[in-house]
Amino acid sequence: MNLLIAIIPVALFSALAFWKLSSLLFMLVAGGSLILGLAWYDAYTTELGLTIGMILIGYSLVCLGFAFRCIFWVEEESEE
């Protein structure tokens, strides 16, 4: 039950990160979802628990990719 409560801040910070496109928030969500994904299978040792844990670990990699995009890929202004 504690992990179900712990997913709420990850979801809220995730929505805020996609809304503001902030690299710091994406890195915070990546760390939280990685830790949550690694702890999920320890608490729920079923096939569904393994699946949700792997999805959370994959989501942390996606968030790190978005953080990389926010840091290094800056859109250029057009000269019109």
PDB file of N, CA and C in Angstrom:
ATOM      1  N   MET A   1       0.816  -1.200   0.000  1.00  0.00           N
ATOM      2  CA  MET A   1       0.000   0.000   0.000  1.00  0.00           C
ATOM      3  C   MET A   1       0.860   1.265   0.000  1.00  0.00           C
ATOM      4  N   ASN A   2       2.043   1.187   0.599  1.00  0.00           N
ATOM      5  CA  ASN A   2       2.915   2.363   0.641  1.00  0.00           C
ATOM      6  C   ASN A   2       3.398   2.760  -0.746  1.00  0.00           C
ATOM      7  N   LEU A   3       3.606   1.767  -1.616  1.00  0.00           N
ATOM      8  CA  LEU A   3       4.071   2.083  -2.970  1.00  0.00           C
ATOM      9  C   LEU A   3       2.974   2.733  -3.793  1.00  0.00           C
ATOM     10  N   LEU A   4       1.730   2.365  -3.509  1.00  0.00           N
ATOM     11  CA  LEU A   4       0.632   3.014  -4.216  1.00  0.00           C
ATOM     12  C   LEU A   4       0.526   4.484  -3.819  1.00  0.00           C
ATOM     13  N   ILE A   5       0.852   4.794  -2.589  1.00  0.00           N
ATOM     14  CA  ILE A   5       0.872   6.194  -2.146  1.00  0.00           C
ATOM     15  C   ILE A   5       2.098   6.915  -2.714  1.00  0.00           C
ATOM     16  N   ALA A   6       3.202   6.195  -2.872  1.00  0.00           N
ATOM     17  CA  ALA A   6       4.435   6.809  -3.379  1.00  0.00           C
ATOM     18  C   ALA A   6       4.345   7.139  -4.861  1.00  0.00           C
ATOM     19  N   ILE A   7       3.416   6.527  -5.569  1.00  0.00           N
ATOM     20  CA  ILE A   7       3.309   6.809  -7.009  1.00  0.00           C
ATOM     21  C   ILE A   7       2.605   8.144  -7.256  1.00  0.00           C
ATOM     22  N   ILE A   8       1.888   8.662  -6.280  1.00  0.00           N
ATOM     23  CA  ILE A   8       1.166   9.929  -6.442  1.00  0.00           C
ATOM     24  C   ILE A   8       2.131  11.103  -6.664  1.00  0.00           C
ATOM     25  N   PRO A   9       3.203  11.274  -5.851  1.00  0.00           N
ATOM     26  CA  PRO A   9       4.132  12.383  -6.152  1.00  0.00           C
ATOM     27  C   PRO A   9       4.845  12.229  -7.491  1.00  0.00           C
ATOM     28  N   VAL A  10       5.138  10.986  -7.880  1.00  0.00           N
ATOM     29  CA  VAL A  10       5.779  10.773  -9.183  1.00  0.00           C
ATOM     30  C   VAL A  10       4.841  11.221 -10.300  1.00  0.00           C
ATOM     31  N   ALA A  11       3.572  10.910 -10.172  1.00  0.00           N
ATOM     32  CA  ALA A  11       2.604  11.314 -11.192  1.00  0.00           C
ATOM     33  C   ALA A  11       2.416  12.829 -11.218  1.00  0.00           C
ATOM     34  N   LEU A  12       2.359  13.451 -10.057  1.00  0.00           N
ATOM     35  CA  LEU A  12       2.178  14.905 -10.005  1.00  0.00           C
ATOM     36  C   LEU A  12       3.393  15.650 -10.548  1.00  0.00           C
ATOM     37  N   PHE A  13       4.592  15.224 -10.139  1.00  0.00           N
ATOM     38  CA  PHE A  13       5.802  15.862 -10.667  1.00  0.00           C
ATOM     39  C   PHE A  13       5.969  15.576 -12.162  1.00  0.00           C
ATOM     40  N   SER A  14       5.497  14.426 -12.603  1.00  0.00           N
ATOM     41  CA  SER A  14       5.562  14.098 -14.016  1.00  0.00           C
ATOM     42  C   SER A  14       4.668  15.031 -14.835  1.00  0.00           C
ATOM     43  N   ALA A  15       3.459  15.262 -14.357  1.00  0.00           N
ATOM     44  CA  ALA A  15       2.564  16.185 -15.061  1.00  0.00           C
ATOM     45  C   ALA A  15       3.145  17.594 -15.077  1.00  0.00           C
ATOM     46  N   LEU A  16       3.741  18.014 -13.984  1.00  0.00           N
ATOM     47  CA  LEU A  16       4.356  19.336 -13.910  1.00  0.00           C
ATOM     48  C   LEU A  16       5.571  19.433 -14.834  1.00  0.00           C
ATOM     49  N   ALA A  17       6.346  18.365 -14.937  1.00  0.00           N
ATOM     50  CA  ALA A  17       7.524  18.377 -15.807  1.00  0.00           C
ATOM     51  C   ALA A  17       7.132  18.474 -17.268  1.00  0.00           C
ATOM     52  N   PHE A  18       6.089  17.742 -17.676  1.00  0.00           N
ATOM     53  CA  PHE A  18       5.661  17.829 -19.069  1.00  0.00           C
ATOM     54  C   PHE A  18       4.960  19.148 -19.368  1.00  0.00           C
ATOM     55  N   TRP A  19       4.390  19.760 -18.357  1.00  0.00           N
ATOM     56  CA  TRP A  19       3.713  21.035 -18.565  1.00  0.00           C
ATOM     57  C   TRP A  19       4.724  22.167 -18.715  1.00  0.00           C
ATOM     58  N   LYS A  20       5.731  22.196 -17.850  1.00  0.00           N
ATOM     59  CA  LYS A  20       6.723  23.269 -17.860  1.00  0.00           C
ATOM     60  C   LYS A  20       7.952  22.967 -18.721  1.00  0.00           C
ATOM     61  N   LEU A  21       8.149  21.693 -19.117  1.00  0.00           N
ATOM     62  CA  LEU A  21       9.346  21.245 -19.838  1.00  0.00           C
ATOM     63  C   LEU A  21      10.622  21.670 -19.113  1.00  0.00           C
ATOM     64  N   SER A  22      10.719  21.280 -17.849  1.00  0.00           N
ATOM     65  CA  SER A  22      11.859  21.602 -17.013  1.00  0.00           C
ATOM     66  C   SER A  22      12.753  20.377 -16.862  1.00  0.00           C
ATOM     67  N   SER A  23      14.029  20.550 -17.172  1.00  0.00           N
ATOM     68  CA  SER A  23      14.954  19.423 -17.083  1.00  0.00           C
ATOM     69  C   SER A  23      15.146  18.969 -15.640  1.00  0.00           C
ATOM     70  N   LEU A  24      15.116  19.881 -14.695  1.00  0.00           N
ATOM     71  CA  LEU A  24      15.264  19.517 -13.289  1.00  0.00           C
ATOM     72  C   LEU A  24      14.096  18.647 -12.815  1.00  0.00           C
ATOM     73  N   LEU A  25      12.897  18.987 -13.218  1.00  0.00           N
ATOM     74  CA  LEU A  25      11.742  18.176 -12.853  1.00  0.00           C
ATOM     75  C   LEU A  25      11.788  16.809 -13.523  1.00  0.00           C
ATOM     76  N   PHE A  26      12.251  16.751 -14.770  1.00  0.00           N
ATOM     77  CA  PHE A  26      12.378  15.460 -15.440  1.00  0.00           C
ATOM     78  C   PHE A  26      13.392  14.573 -14.727  1.00  0.00           C
ATOM     79  N   MET A  27      14.493  15.147 -14.263  1.00  0.00           N
ATOM     80  CA  MET A  27      15.477  14.350 -13.533  1.00  0.00           C
ATOM     81  C   MET A  27      14.945  13.895 -12.179  1.00  0.00           C
ATOM     82  N   LEU A  28      14.150  14.727 -11.536  1.00  0.00           N
ATOM     83  CA  LEU A  28      13.523  14.349 -10.265  1.00  0.00           C
ATOM     84  C   LEU A  28      12.542  13.197 -10.475  1.00  0.00           C
ATOM     85  N   VAL A  29      11.736  13.283 -11.512  1.00  0.00           N
ATOM     86  CA  VAL A  29      10.782  12.208 -11.825  1.00  0.00           C
ATOM     87  C   VAL A  29      11.525  10.938 -12.211  1.00  0.00           C
ATOM     88  N   ALA A  30      12.620  11.051 -12.943  1.00  0.00           N
ATOM     89  CA  ALA A  30      13.391   9.876 -13.346  1.00  0.00           C
ATOM     90  C   ALA A  30      13.952   9.144 -12.125  1.00  0.00           C
ATOM     91  N   GLY A  31      14.486   9.887 -11.193  1.00  0.00           N
ATOM     92  CA  GLY A  31      15.012   9.260  -9.981  1.00  0.00           C
ATOM     93  C   GLY A  31      13.927   8.609  -9.149  1.00  0.00           C
ATOM     94  N   GLY A  32      12.813   9.299  -9.007  1.00  0.00           N
ATOM     95  CA  GLY A  32      11.706   8.744  -8.224  1.00  0.00           C
ATOM     96  C   GLY A  32      11.105   7.510  -8.863  1.00  0.00           C
ATOM     97  N   SER A  33      10.924   7.528 -10.170  1.00  0.00           N
ATOM     98  CA  SER A  33      10.335   6.369 -10.829  1.00  0.00           C
ATOM     99  C   SER A  33      11.320   5.203 -10.898  1.00  0.00           C
ATOM    100  N   LEU A  34      12.615   5.473 -10.955  1.00  0.00           N
ATOM    101  CA  LEU A  34      13.601   4.393 -10.928  1.00  0.00           C
ATOM    102  C   LEU A  34      13.589   3.696  -9.573  1.00  0.00           C
ATOM    103  N   ILE A  35      13.609   4.459  -8.502  1.00  0.00           N
ATOM    104  CA  ILE A  35      13.573   3.870  -7.170  1.00  0.00           C
ATOM    105  C   ILE A  35      12.260   3.139  -6.938  1.00  0.00           C
ATOM    106  N   LEU A  36      11.174   3.715  -7.379  1.00  0.00           N
ATOM    107  CA  LEU A  36       9.867   3.079  -7.230  1.00  0.00           C
ATOM    108  C   LEU A  36       9.781   1.802  -8.066  1.00  0.00           C
ATOM    109  N   GLY A  37      10.332   1.826  -9.255  1.00  0.00           N
ATOM    110  CA  GLY A  37      10.327   0.634 -10.096  1.00  0.00           C
ATOM    111  C   GLY A  37      11.164  -0.494  -9.529  1.00  0.00           C
ATOM    112  N   LEU A  38      12.291  -0.155  -8.911  1.00  0.00           N
ATOM    113  CA  LEU A  38      13.123  -1.193  -8.308  1.00  0.00           C
ATOM    114  C   LEU A  38      12.492  -1.760  -7.042  1.00  0.00           C
ATOM    115  N   ALA A  39      11.737  -0.961  -6.326  1.00  0.00           N
ATOM    116  CA  ALA A  39      11.104  -1.428  -5.090  1.00  0.00           C
ATOM    117  C   ALA A  39       9.769  -2.123  -5.340  1.00  0.00           C
ATOM    118  N   TRP A  40       9.196  -1.923  -6.519  1.00  0.00           N
ATOM    119  CA  TRP A  40       7.852  -2.445  -6.772  1.00  0.00           C
ATOM    120  C   TRP A  40       7.815  -3.968  -6.748  1.00  0.00           C
ATOM    121  N   TYR A  41       8.796  -4.615  -7.398  1.00  0.00           N
ATOM    122  CA  TYR A  41       8.774  -6.077  -7.465  1.00  0.00           C
ATOM    123  C   TYR A  41       9.076  -6.707  -6.108  1.00  0.00           C
ATOM    124  N   ASP A  42       9.807  -6.010  -5.257  1.00  0.00           N
ATOM    125  CA  ASP A  42      10.048  -6.533  -3.914  1.00  0.00           C
ATOM    126  C   ASP A  42       8.760  -6.585  -3.095  1.00  0.00           C
ATOM    127  N   ALA A  43       7.873  -5.645  -3.333  1.00  0.00           N
ATOM    128  CA  ALA A  43       6.622  -5.607  -2.580  1.00  0.00           C
ATOM    129  C   ALA A  43       5.559  -6.506  -3.198  1.00  0.00           C
ATOM    130  N   TYR A  44       5.475  -6.515  -4.522  1.00  0.00           N
ATOM    131  CA  TYR A  44       4.470  -7.308  -5.231  1.00  0.00           C
ATOM    132  C   TYR A  44       5.191  -8.315  -6.122  1.00  0.00           C
ATOM    133  N   THR A  45       5.378  -9.543  -5.646  1.00  0.00           N
ATOM    134  CA  THR A  45       6.175 -10.541  -6.359  1.00  0.00           C
ATOM    135  C   THR A  45       5.303 -11.408  -7.266  1.00  0.00           C
ATOM    136  N   THR A  46       4.601 -10.752  -8.166  1.00  0.00           N
ATOM    137  CA  THR A  46       3.816 -11.455  -9.177  1.00  0.00           C
ATOM    138  C   THR A  46       4.280 -10.998 -10.550  1.00  0.00           C
ATOM    139  N   GLU A  47       3.672 -11.564 -11.580  1.00  0.00           N
ATOM    140  CA  GLU A  47       4.020 -11.140 -12.936  1.00  0.00           C
ATOM    141  C   GLU A  47       3.606  -9.702 -13.180  1.00  0.00           C
ATOM    142  N   LEU A  48       2.483  -9.307 -12.604  1.00  0.00           N
ATOM    143  CA  LEU A  48       2.027  -7.924 -12.746  1.00  0.00           C
ATOM    144  C   LEU A  48       2.968  -6.954 -12.026  1.00  0.00           C
ATOM    145  N   GLY A  49       3.465  -7.349 -10.864  1.00  0.00           N
ATOM    146  CA  GLY A  49       4.429  -6.522 -10.147  1.00  0.00           C
ATOM    147  C   GLY A  49       5.717  -6.337 -10.913  1.00  0.00           C
ATOM    148  N   LEU A  50       6.173  -7.419 -11.568  1.00  0.00           N
ATOM    149  CA  LEU A  50       7.371  -7.327 -12.400  1.00  0.00           C
ATOM    150  C   LEU A  50       7.136  -6.421 -13.600  1.00  0.00           C
ATOM    151  N   THR A  51       5.956  -6.528 -14.200  1.00  0.00           N
ATOM    152  CA  THR A  51       5.627  -5.699 -15.360  1.00  0.00           C
ATOM    153  C   THR A  51       5.566  -4.228 -14.991  1.00  0.00           C
ATOM    154  N   ILE A  52       4.910  -3.899 -13.896  1.00  0.00           N
ATOM    155  CA  ILE A  52       4.812  -2.497 -13.470  1.00  0.00           C
ATOM    156  C   ILE A  52       6.184  -1.962 -13.086  1.00  0.00           C
ATOM    157  N   GLY A  53       7.000  -2.773 -12.433  1.00  0.00           N
ATOM    158  CA  GLY A  53       8.357  -2.343 -12.095  1.00  0.00           C
ATOM    159  C   GLY A  53       9.191  -2.047 -13.324  1.00  0.00           C
ATOM    160  N   MET A  54       9.089  -2.903 -14.345  1.00  0.00           N
ATOM    161  CA  MET A  54       9.851  -2.665 -15.574  1.00  0.00           C
ATOM    162  C   MET A  54       9.332  -1.462 -16.338  1.00  0.00           C
ATOM    163  N   ILE A  55       8.021  -1.233 -16.295  1.00  0.00           N
ATOM    164  CA  ILE A  55       7.461  -0.043 -16.940  1.00  0.00           C
ATOM    165  C   ILE A  55       7.961   1.217 -16.250  1.00  0.00           C
ATOM    166  N   LEU A  56       8.030   1.218 -14.922  1.00  0.00           N
ATOM    167  CA  LEU A  56       8.526   2.389 -14.199  1.00  0.00           C
ATOM    168  C   LEU A  56      10.007   2.634 -14.475  1.00  0.00           C
ATOM    169  N   ILE A  57      10.790   1.569 -14.606  1.00  0.00           N
ATOM    170  CA  ILE A  57      12.204   1.730 -14.943  1.00  0.00           C
ATOM    171  C   ILE A  57      12.353   2.280 -16.363  1.00  0.00           C
ATOM    172  N   GLY A  58      11.552   1.791 -17.280  1.00  0.00           N
ATOM    173  CA  GLY A  58      11.566   2.329 -18.645  1.00  0.00           C
ATOM    174  C   GLY A  58      11.123   3.777 -18.685  1.00  0.00           C
ATOM    175  N   TYR A  59      10.135   4.120 -17.866  1.00  0.00           N
ATOM    176  CA  TYR A  59       9.675   5.507 -17.809  1.00  0.00           C
ATOM    177  C   TYR A  59      10.761   6.427 -17.263  1.00  0.00           C
ATOM    178  N   SER A  60      11.575   5.925 -16.355  1.00  0.00           N
ATOM    179  CA  SER A  60      12.680   6.755 -15.853  1.00  0.00           C
ATOM    180  C   SER A  60      13.685   7.035 -16.966  1.00  0.00           C
ATOM    181  N   LEU A  61      13.915   6.062 -17.854  1.00  0.00           N
ATOM    182  CA  LEU A  61      14.811   6.300 -18.983  1.00  0.00           C
ATOM    183  C   LEU A  61      14.215   7.302 -19.964  1.00  0.00           C
ATOM    184  N   VAL A  62      12.893   7.240 -20.165  1.00  0.00           N
ATOM    185  CA  VAL A  62      12.217   8.223 -21.024  1.00  0.00           C
ATOM    186  C   VAL A  62      12.352   9.623 -20.430  1.00  0.00           C
ATOM    187  N   CYS A  63      12.183   9.740 -19.129  1.00  0.00           N
ATOM    188  CA  CYS A  63      12.313  11.053 -18.475  1.00  0.00           C
ATOM    189  C   CYS A  63      13.735  11.584 -18.570  1.00  0.00           C
ATOM    190  N   LEU A  64      14.723  10.702 -18.479  1.00  0.00           N
ATOM    191  CA  LEU A  64      16.102  11.155 -18.667  1.00  0.00           C
ATOM    192  C   LEU A  64      16.337  11.626 -20.096  1.00  0.00           C
ATOM    193  N   GLY A  65      15.698  10.985 -21.044  1.00  0.00           N
ATOM    194  CA  GLY A  65      15.790  11.437 -22.440  1.00  0.00           C
ATOM    195  C   GLY A  65      15.172  12.811 -22.625  1.00  0.00           C
ATOM    196  N   PHE A  66      14.019  13.052 -22.002  1.00  0.00           N
ATOM    197  CA  PHE A  66      13.408  14.373 -22.084  1.00  0.00           C
ATOM    198  C   PHE A  66      14.245  15.420 -21.367  1.00  0.00           C
ATOM    199  N   ALA A  67      14.892  15.058 -20.262  1.00  0.00           N
ATOM    200  CA  ALA A  67      15.778  15.999 -19.583  1.00  0.00           C
ATOM    201  C   ALA A  67      16.961  16.360 -20.468  1.00  0.00           C
ATOM    202  N   PHE A  68      17.518  15.368 -21.161  1.00  0.00           N
ATOM    203  CA  PHE A  68      18.602  15.617 -22.098  1.00  0.00           C
ATOM    204  C   PHE A  68      18.149  16.556 -23.203  1.00  0.00           C
ATOM    205  N   ARG A  69      16.923  16.334 -23.698  1.00  0.00           N
ATOM    206  CA  ARG A  69      16.390  17.186 -24.763  1.00  0.00           C
ATOM    207  C   ARG A  69      16.216  18.621 -24.272  1.00  0.00           C
ATOM    208  N   CYS A  70      15.722  18.790 -23.054  1.00  0.00           N
ATOM    209  CA  CYS A  70      15.505  20.139 -22.524  1.00  0.00           C
ATOM    210  C   CYS A  70      16.818  20.870 -22.273  1.00  0.00           C
ATOM    211  N   ILE A  71      17.869  20.141 -21.958  1.00  0.00           N
ATOM    212  CA  ILE A  71      19.146  20.789 -21.673  1.00  0.00           C
ATOM    213  C   ILE A  71      19.882  21.161 -22.960  1.00  0.00           C
ATOM    214  N   PHE A  72      19.987  20.231 -23.899  1.00  0.00           N
ATOM    215  CA  PHE A  72      20.897  20.411 -25.019  1.00  0.00           C
ATOM    216  C   PHE A  72      20.247  20.814 -26.333  1.00  0.00           C
ATOM    217  N   TRP A  73      18.989  20.524 -26.546  1.00  0.00           N
ATOM    218  CA  TRP A  73      18.350  20.864 -27.813  1.00  0.00           C
ATOM    219  C   TRP A  73      17.546  22.130 -27.638  1.00  0.00           C
ATOM    220  N   VAL A  74      18.119  23.241 -28.076  1.00  0.00           N
ATOM    221  CA  VAL A  74      17.442  24.527 -27.985  1.00  0.00           C
ATOM    222  C   VAL A  74      16.931  24.895 -29.378  1.00  0.00           C
ATOM    223  N   GLU A  75      15.668  25.288 -29.467  1.00  0.00           N
ATOM    224  CA  GLU A  75      15.111  25.654 -30.756  1.00  0.00           C
ATOM    225  C   GLU A  75      15.686  26.989 -31.199  1.00  0.00           C
ATOM    226  N   GLU A  76      16.034  27.072 -32.481  1.00  0.00           N
ATOM    227  CA  GLU A  76      16.581  28.308 -33.020  1.00  0.00           C
ATOM    228  C   GLU A  76      15.463  29.204 -33.493  1.00  0.00           C
ATOM    229  N   GLU A  77      15.646  30.495 -33.324  1.00  0.00           N
ATOM    230  CA  GLU A  77      14.626  31.452 -33.763  1.00  0.00           C
ATOM    231  C   GLU A  77      14.779  31.681 -35.268  1.00  0.00           C
ATOM    232  N   SER A  78      13.677  31.813 -35.945  1.00  0.00           N
ATOM    233  CA  SER A  78      13.733  32.043 -37.396  1.00  0.00           C
ATOM    234  C   SER A  78      14.043  33.521 -37.661  1.00  0.00           C
ATOM    235  N   GLU A  79      14.679  33.788 -38.801  1.00  0.00           N
ATOM    236  CA  GLU A  79      15.080  35.142 -39.140  1.00  0.00           C
ATOM    237  C   GLU A  79      14.129  35.749 -40.150  1.00  0.00           C
ATOM    238  N   GLU A  80      12.887  35.866 -39.821  1.00  0.00           N
ATOM    239  CA  GLU A  80      11.905  36.460 -40.738  1.00  0.00           C
ATOM    240  C   GLU A  80      11.591  37.868 -40.346  1.00  0.00           C
TER     241      GLU A  80
END
